[in-house]
Structure formats: structure tokens, C-alpha cells
Amino acid sequence: MKKFKTCKEILLCPEFKRLAFELLKEEGYGSCVKGKHKIADDDELEARVNYFLDRKLQQCKMQGV
């Protein structure tokens, strides 16, 4: 297994993105609609993972990593 030196390296790793997507999918992550849980489709989950990664990469950039 590759050893990472910075948080940015982890975020840019394609394996991390795939694992985050699979975790959300397995956990049945969805949005709440009028008190009922709706299971998110793959496109919605991928968009959420991408949004998370973008936010974290921006945070790394601000911290100078």
C-alpha cells in the first residue's frame, strides 16, 4: 500500500474517491424527503463525493499544503 505524506495526496488518489463513493452507497446515504428517506442514485452520490473532494482540496490550498 502506498504511503501518503499529505492530505492532498490522499484526496487526489482515485482509489480514495472510489472508496468514498462505495461507503456512501453501502450506508444507504440519501436525502430526507418529507420525513421519508430516499436512497440517492449513483449520480447524486458521485456529485456529493466530488463536492466533498473539491472543498477539501480548496482547504488544503488555503493551508498551503
PDB file of N, CA and C in Angstrom:
ATOM      1  N   MET A   1       0.835  -1.171   0.000  1.00  0.00           N
ATOM      2  CA  MET A   1       0.000   0.000   0.000  1.00  0.00           C
ATOM      3  C   MET A   1       0.888   1.246   0.000  1.00  0.00           C
ATOM      4  N   LYS A   2       0.525   2.198  -0.792  1.00  0.00           N
ATOM      5  CA  LYS A   2       1.284   3.438  -0.906  1.00  0.00           C
ATOM      6  C   LYS A   2       1.151   4.260   0.376  1.00  0.00           C
ATOM      7  N   LYS A   3       2.250   4.859   0.801  1.00  0.00           N
ATOM      8  CA  LYS A   3       2.222   5.732   1.970  1.00  0.00           C
ATOM      9  C   LYS A   3       2.077   7.169   1.498  1.00  0.00           C
ATOM     10  N   PHE A   4       1.137   7.875   2.102  1.00  0.00           N
ATOM     11  CA  PHE A   4       0.869   9.254   1.731  1.00  0.00           C
ATOM     12  C   PHE A   4       1.540  10.196   2.716  1.00  0.00           C
ATOM     13  N   LYS A   5       2.029  11.308   2.202  1.00  0.00           N
ATOM     14  CA  LYS A   5       2.705  12.277   3.056  1.00  0.00           C
ATOM     15  C   LYS A   5       1.796  13.439   3.429  1.00  0.00           C
ATOM     16  N   THR A   6       0.835  13.751   2.577  1.00  0.00           N
ATOM     17  CA  THR A   6      -0.055  14.880   2.862  1.00  0.00           C
ATOM     18  C   THR A   6      -1.500  14.487   2.615  1.00  0.00           C
ATOM     19  N   CYS A   7      -2.383  15.263   3.196  1.00  0.00           N
ATOM     20  CA  CYS A   7      -3.823  15.067   2.993  1.00  0.00           C
ATOM     21  C   CYS A   7      -4.176  15.248   1.516  1.00  0.00           C
ATOM     22  N   LYS A   8      -3.513  16.174   0.851  1.00  0.00           N
ATOM     23  CA  LYS A   8      -3.783  16.454  -0.560  1.00  0.00           C
ATOM     24  C   LYS A   8      -3.516  15.220  -1.425  1.00  0.00           C
ATOM     25  N   GLU A   9      -2.457  14.482  -1.120  1.00  0.00           N
ATOM     26  CA  GLU A   9      -2.152  13.266  -1.876  1.00  0.00           C
ATOM     27  C   GLU A   9      -3.273  12.237  -1.729  1.00  0.00           C
ATOM     28  N   ILE A  10      -3.826  12.133  -0.531  1.00  0.00           N
ATOM     29  CA  ILE A  10      -4.935  11.195  -0.306  1.00  0.00           C
ATOM     30  C   ILE A  10      -6.151  11.619  -1.103  1.00  0.00           C
ATOM     31  N   LEU A  11      -6.482  12.899  -1.069  1.00  0.00           N
ATOM     32  CA  LEU A  11      -7.660  13.401  -1.770  1.00  0.00           C
ATOM     33  C   LEU A  11      -7.546  13.237  -3.279  1.00  0.00           C
ATOM     34  N   LEU A  12      -6.327  13.345  -3.808  1.00  0.00           N
ATOM     35  CA  LEU A  12      -6.131  13.239  -5.257  1.00  0.00           C
ATOM     36  C   LEU A  12      -6.041  11.789  -5.730  1.00  0.00           C
ATOM     37  N   CYS A  13      -5.949  10.848  -4.814  1.00  0.00           N
ATOM     38  CA  CYS A  13      -5.845   9.431  -5.165  1.00  0.00           C
ATOM     39  C   CYS A  13      -7.202   8.919  -5.682  1.00  0.00           C
ATOM     40  N   PRO A  14      -7.242   8.343  -6.881  1.00  0.00           N
ATOM     41  CA  PRO A  14      -8.510   7.842  -7.432  1.00  0.00           C
ATOM     42  C   PRO A  14      -9.129   6.741  -6.564  1.00  0.00           C
ATOM     43  N   GLU A  15      -8.305   5.989  -5.874  1.00  0.00           N
ATOM     44  CA  GLU A  15      -8.812   4.930  -5.001  1.00  0.00           C
ATOM     45  C   GLU A  15      -9.634   5.521  -3.860  1.00  0.00           C
ATOM     46  N   PHE A  16      -9.222   6.665  -3.337  1.00  0.00           N
ATOM     47  CA  PHE A  16      -9.963   7.312  -2.261  1.00  0.00           C
ATOM     48  C   PHE A  16     -11.356   7.702  -2.728  1.00  0.00           C
ATOM     49  N   LYS A  17     -11.448   8.266  -3.920  1.00  0.00           N
ATOM     50  CA  LYS A  17     -12.744   8.677  -4.460  1.00  0.00           C
ATOM     51  C   LYS A  17     -13.669   7.472  -4.614  1.00  0.00           C
ATOM     52  N   ARG A  18     -13.124   6.374  -5.118  1.00  0.00           N
ATOM     53  CA  ARG A  18     -13.929   5.168  -5.308  1.00  0.00           C
ATOM     54  C   ARG A  18     -14.406   4.612  -3.968  1.00  0.00           C
ATOM     55  N   LEU A  19     -13.516   4.608  -2.979  1.00  0.00           N
ATOM     56  CA  LEU A  19     -13.883   4.102  -1.660  1.00  0.00           C
ATOM     57  C   LEU A  19     -14.934   4.984  -0.989  1.00  0.00           C
ATOM     58  N   ALA A  20     -14.814   6.287  -1.125  1.00  0.00           N
ATOM     59  CA  ALA A  20     -15.800   7.205  -0.548  1.00  0.00           C
ATOM     60  C   ALA A  20     -17.168   6.980  -1.191  1.00  0.00           C
ATOM     61  N   PHE A  21     -17.191   6.795  -2.500  1.00  0.00           N
ATOM     62  CA  PHE A  21     -18.432   6.530  -3.223  1.00  0.00           C
ATOM     63  C   PHE A  21     -19.068   5.228  -2.736  1.00  0.00           C
ATOM     64  N   GLU A  22     -18.265   4.183  -2.609  1.00  0.00           N
ATOM     65  CA  GLU A  22     -18.780   2.887  -2.167  1.00  0.00           C
ATOM     66  C   GLU A  22     -19.288   2.944  -0.738  1.00  0.00           C
ATOM     67  N   LEU A  23     -18.610   3.692   0.116  1.00  0.00           N
ATOM     68  CA  LEU A  23     -19.054   3.831   1.501  1.00  0.00           C
ATOM     69  C   LEU A  23     -20.433   4.469   1.566  1.00  0.00           C
ATOM     70  N   LEU A  24     -20.603   5.570   0.847  1.00  0.00           N
ATOM     71  CA  LEU A  24     -21.905   6.230   0.848  1.00  0.00           C
ATOM     72  C   LEU A  24     -22.989   5.310   0.302  1.00  0.00           C
ATOM     73  N   LYS A  25     -22.666   4.561  -0.724  1.00  0.00           N
ATOM     74  CA  LYS A  25     -23.635   3.658  -1.332  1.00  0.00           C
ATOM     75  C   LYS A  25     -24.024   2.527  -0.375  1.00  0.00           C
ATOM     76  N   GLU A  26     -23.036   1.941   0.295  1.00  0.00           N
ATOM     77  CA  GLU A  26     -23.303   0.856   1.229  1.00  0.00           C
ATOM     78  C   GLU A  26     -24.085   1.323   2.447  1.00  0.00           C
ATOM     79  N   GLU A  27     -23.830   2.544   2.883  1.00  0.00           N
ATOM     80  CA  GLU A  27     -24.522   3.068   4.050  1.00  0.00           C
ATOM     81  C   GLU A  27     -25.956   3.478   3.713  1.00  0.00           C
ATOM     82  N   GLY A  28     -26.315   3.435   2.441  1.00  0.00           N
ATOM     83  CA  GLY A  28     -27.666   3.814   2.037  1.00  0.00           C
ATOM     84  C   GLY A  28     -27.912   5.299   2.194  1.00  0.00           C
ATOM     85  N   TYR A  29     -26.848   6.071   1.995  1.00  0.00           N
ATOM     86  CA  TYR A  29     -26.952   7.519   2.161  1.00  0.00           C
ATOM     87  C   TYR A  29     -27.989   8.074   1.200  1.00  0.00           C
ATOM     88  N   GLY A  30     -28.835   8.914   1.708  1.00  0.00           N
ATOM     89  CA  GLY A  30     -29.847   9.550   0.874  1.00  0.00           C
ATOM     90  C   GLY A  30     -30.289  10.852   1.501  1.00  0.00           C
ATOM     91  N   SER A  31     -31.187  11.517   0.853  1.00  0.00           N
ATOM     92  CA  SER A  31     -31.694  12.770   1.403  1.00  0.00           C
ATOM     93  C   SER A  31     -33.083  12.527   1.979  1.00  0.00           C
ATOM     94  N   CYS A  32     -33.426  13.292   2.959  1.00  0.00           N
ATOM     95  CA  CYS A  32     -34.708  13.128   3.623  1.00  0.00           C
ATOM     96  C   CYS A  32     -35.764  13.931   2.864  1.00  0.00           C
ATOM     97  N   VAL A  33     -36.833  13.262   2.441  1.00  0.00           N
ATOM     98  CA  VAL A  33     -37.905  13.916   1.712  1.00  0.00           C
ATOM     99  C   VAL A  33     -39.190  13.724   2.503  1.00  0.00           C
ATOM    100  N   LYS A  34     -39.691  14.804   3.110  1.00  0.00           N
ATOM    101  CA  LYS A  34     -40.922  14.783   3.902  1.00  0.00           C
ATOM    102  C   LYS A  34     -40.924  13.655   4.929  1.00  0.00           C
ATOM    103  N   GLY A  35     -39.815  13.514   5.648  1.00  0.00           N
ATOM    104  CA  GLY A  35     -39.744  12.511   6.704  1.00  0.00           C
ATOM    105  C   GLY A  35     -39.410  11.113   6.230  1.00  0.00           C
ATOM    106  N   LYS A  36     -39.428  10.893   4.947  1.00  0.00           N
ATOM    107  CA  LYS A  36     -39.081   9.578   4.401  1.00  0.00           C
ATOM    108  C   LYS A  36     -37.699   9.665   3.782  1.00  0.00           C
ATOM    109  N   HIS A  37     -36.943   8.611   3.973  1.00  0.00           N
ATOM    110  CA  HIS A  37     -35.604   8.597   3.398  1.00  0.00           C
ATOM    111  C   HIS A  37     -35.646   8.079   1.971  1.00  0.00           C
ATOM    112  N   LYS A  38     -35.027   8.827   1.096  1.00  0.00           N
ATOM    113  CA  LYS A  38     -34.924   8.446  -0.307  1.00  0.00           C
ATOM    114  C   LYS A  38     -33.483   8.031  -0.557  1.00  0.00           C
ATOM    115  N   ILE A  39     -33.294   6.848  -1.090  1.00  0.00           N
ATOM    116  CA  ILE A  39     -31.937   6.393  -1.397  1.00  0.00           C
ATOM    117  C   ILE A  39     -31.440   7.180  -2.610  1.00  0.00           C
ATOM    118  N   ALA A  40     -30.237   7.716  -2.467  1.00  0.00           N
ATOM    119  CA  ALA A  40     -29.653   8.529  -3.529  1.00  0.00           C
ATOM    120  C   ALA A  40     -29.204   7.642  -4.693  1.00  0.00           C
ATOM    121  N   ASP A  41     -29.331   8.159  -5.895  1.00  0.00           N
ATOM    122  CA  ASP A  41     -28.844   7.412  -7.056  1.00  0.00           C
ATOM    123  C   ASP A  41     -27.341   7.654  -7.217  1.00  0.00           C
ATOM    124  N   ASP A  42     -26.733   6.901  -8.107  1.00  0.00           N
ATOM    125  CA  ASP A  42     -25.275   6.956  -8.279  1.00  0.00           C
ATOM    126  C   ASP A  42     -24.779   8.345  -8.676  1.00  0.00           C
ATOM    127  N   ASP A  43     -25.542   9.039  -9.524  1.00  0.00           N
ATOM    128  CA  ASP A  43     -25.120  10.367  -9.965  1.00  0.00           C
ATOM    129  C   ASP A  43     -25.098  11.355  -8.803  1.00  0.00           C
ATOM    130  N   GLU A  44     -26.101  11.265  -7.934  1.00  0.00           N
ATOM    131  CA  GLU A  44     -26.165  12.156  -6.781  1.00  0.00           C
ATOM    132  C   GLU A  44     -25.006  11.874  -5.819  1.00  0.00           C
ATOM    133  N   LEU A  45     -24.720  10.591  -5.594  1.00  0.00           N
ATOM    134  CA  LEU A  45     -23.619  10.231  -4.715  1.00  0.00           C
ATOM    135  C   LEU A  45     -22.287  10.701  -5.281  1.00  0.00           C
ATOM    136  N   GLU A  46     -22.100  10.519  -6.579  1.00  0.00           N
ATOM    137  CA  GLU A  46     -20.853  10.958  -7.206  1.00  0.00           C
ATOM    138  C   GLU A  46     -20.695  12.474  -7.108  1.00  0.00           C
ATOM    139  N   ALA A  47     -21.791  13.200  -7.276  1.00  0.00           N
ATOM    140  CA  ALA A  47     -21.744  14.656  -7.167  1.00  0.00           C
ATOM    141  C   ALA A  47     -21.366  15.075  -5.750  1.00  0.00           C
ATOM    142  N   ARG A  48     -21.901  14.373  -4.752  1.00  0.00           N
ATOM    143  CA  ARG A  48     -21.577  14.691  -3.359  1.00  0.00           C
ATOM    144  C   ARG A  48     -20.112  14.388  -3.042  1.00  0.00           C
ATOM    145  N   VAL A  49     -19.600  13.275  -3.556  1.00  0.00           N
ATOM    146  CA  VAL A  49     -18.194  12.935  -3.344  1.00  0.00           C
ATOM    147  C   VAL A  49     -17.304  13.980  -4.003  1.00  0.00           C
ATOM    148  N   ASN A  50     -17.631  14.370  -5.233  1.00  0.00           N
ATOM    149  CA  ASN A  50     -16.843  15.385  -5.938  1.00  0.00           C
ATOM    150  C   ASN A  50     -16.866  16.724  -5.200  1.00  0.00           C
ATOM    151  N   TYR A  51     -18.030  17.089  -4.680  1.00  0.00           N
ATOM    152  CA  TYR A  51     -18.159  18.343  -3.934  1.00  0.00           C
ATOM    153  C   TYR A  51     -17.294  18.294  -2.672  1.00  0.00           C
ATOM    154  N   PHE A  52     -17.341  17.164  -1.970  1.00  0.00           N
ATOM    155  CA  PHE A  52     -16.526  16.988  -0.774  1.00  0.00           C
ATOM    156  C   PHE A  52     -15.041  17.117  -1.104  1.00  0.00           C
ATOM    157  N   LEU A  53     -14.591  16.420  -2.161  1.00  0.00           N
ATOM    158  CA  LEU A  53     -13.177  16.464  -2.552  1.00  0.00           C
ATOM    159  C   LEU A  53     -12.753  17.874  -2.937  1.00  0.00           C
ATOM    160  N   ASP A  54     -13.601  18.567  -3.688  1.00  0.00           N
ATOM    161  CA  ASP A  54     -13.276  19.941  -4.093  1.00  0.00           C
ATOM    162  C   ASP A  54     -13.124  20.856  -2.882  1.00  0.00           C
ATOM    163  N   ARG A  55     -14.040  20.719  -1.920  1.00  0.00           N
ATOM    164  CA  ARG A  55     -13.967  21.536  -0.705  1.00  0.00           C
ATOM    165  C   ARG A  55     -12.695  21.247   0.081  1.00  0.00           C
ATOM    166  N   LYS A  56     -12.355  19.969   0.226  1.00  0.00           N
ATOM    167  CA  LYS A  56     -11.163  19.602   0.983  1.00  0.00           C
ATOM    168  C   LYS A  56      -9.886  20.027   0.271  1.00  0.00           C
ATOM    169  N   LEU A  57      -9.854  19.924  -1.054  1.00  0.00           N
ATOM    170  CA  LEU A  57      -8.678  20.382  -1.806  1.00  0.00           C
ATOM    171  C   LEU A  57      -8.510  21.896  -1.693  1.00  0.00           C
ATOM    172  N   GLN A  58      -9.632  22.611  -1.701  1.00  0.00           N
ATOM    173  CA  GLN A  58      -9.584  24.064  -1.517  1.00  0.00           C
ATOM    174  C   GLN A  58      -9.042  24.393  -0.128  1.00  0.00           C
ATOM    175  N   GLN A  59      -9.459  23.619   0.869  1.00  0.00           N
ATOM    176  CA  GLN A  59      -8.970  23.824   2.232  1.00  0.00           C
ATOM    177  C   GLN A  59      -7.456  23.563   2.309  1.00  0.00           C
ATOM    178  N   CYS A  60      -6.988  22.533   1.636  1.00  0.00           N
ATOM    179  CA  CYS A  60      -5.543  22.241   1.602  1.00  0.00           C
ATOM    180  C   CYS A  60      -4.789  23.394   0.950  1.00  0.00           C
ATOM    181  N   LYS A  61      -5.350  23.939  -0.124  1.00  0.00           N
ATOM    182  CA  LYS A  61      -4.723  25.057  -0.833  1.00  0.00           C
ATOM    183  C   LYS A  61      -4.614  26.283   0.070  1.00  0.00           C
ATOM    184  N   MET A  62      -5.682  26.528   0.851  1.00  0.00           N
ATOM    185  CA  MET A  62      -5.686  27.675   1.760  1.00  0.00           C
ATOM    186  C   MET A  62      -4.659  27.497   2.880  1.00  0.00           C
ATOM    187  N   GLN A  63      -4.431  26.239   3.280  1.00  0.00           N
ATOM    188  CA  GLN A  63      -3.479  25.946   4.340  1.00  0.00           C
ATOM    189  C   GLN A  63      -2.042  25.871   3.824  1.00  0.00           C
ATOM    190  N   GLY A  64      -1.887  25.906   2.501  1.00  0.00           N
ATOM    191  CA  GLY A  64      -0.564  25.882   1.903  1.00  0.00           C
ATOM    192  C   GLY A  64       0.036  24.503   1.782  1.00  0.00           C
ATOM    193  N   VAL A  65      -0.827  23.489   1.730  1.00  0.00           N
ATOM    194  CA  VAL A  65      -0.352  22.093   1.608  1.00  0.00           C
ATOM    195  C   VAL A  65      -0.170  21.763   0.147  1.00  0.00           C
TER     196      VAL A  65
END
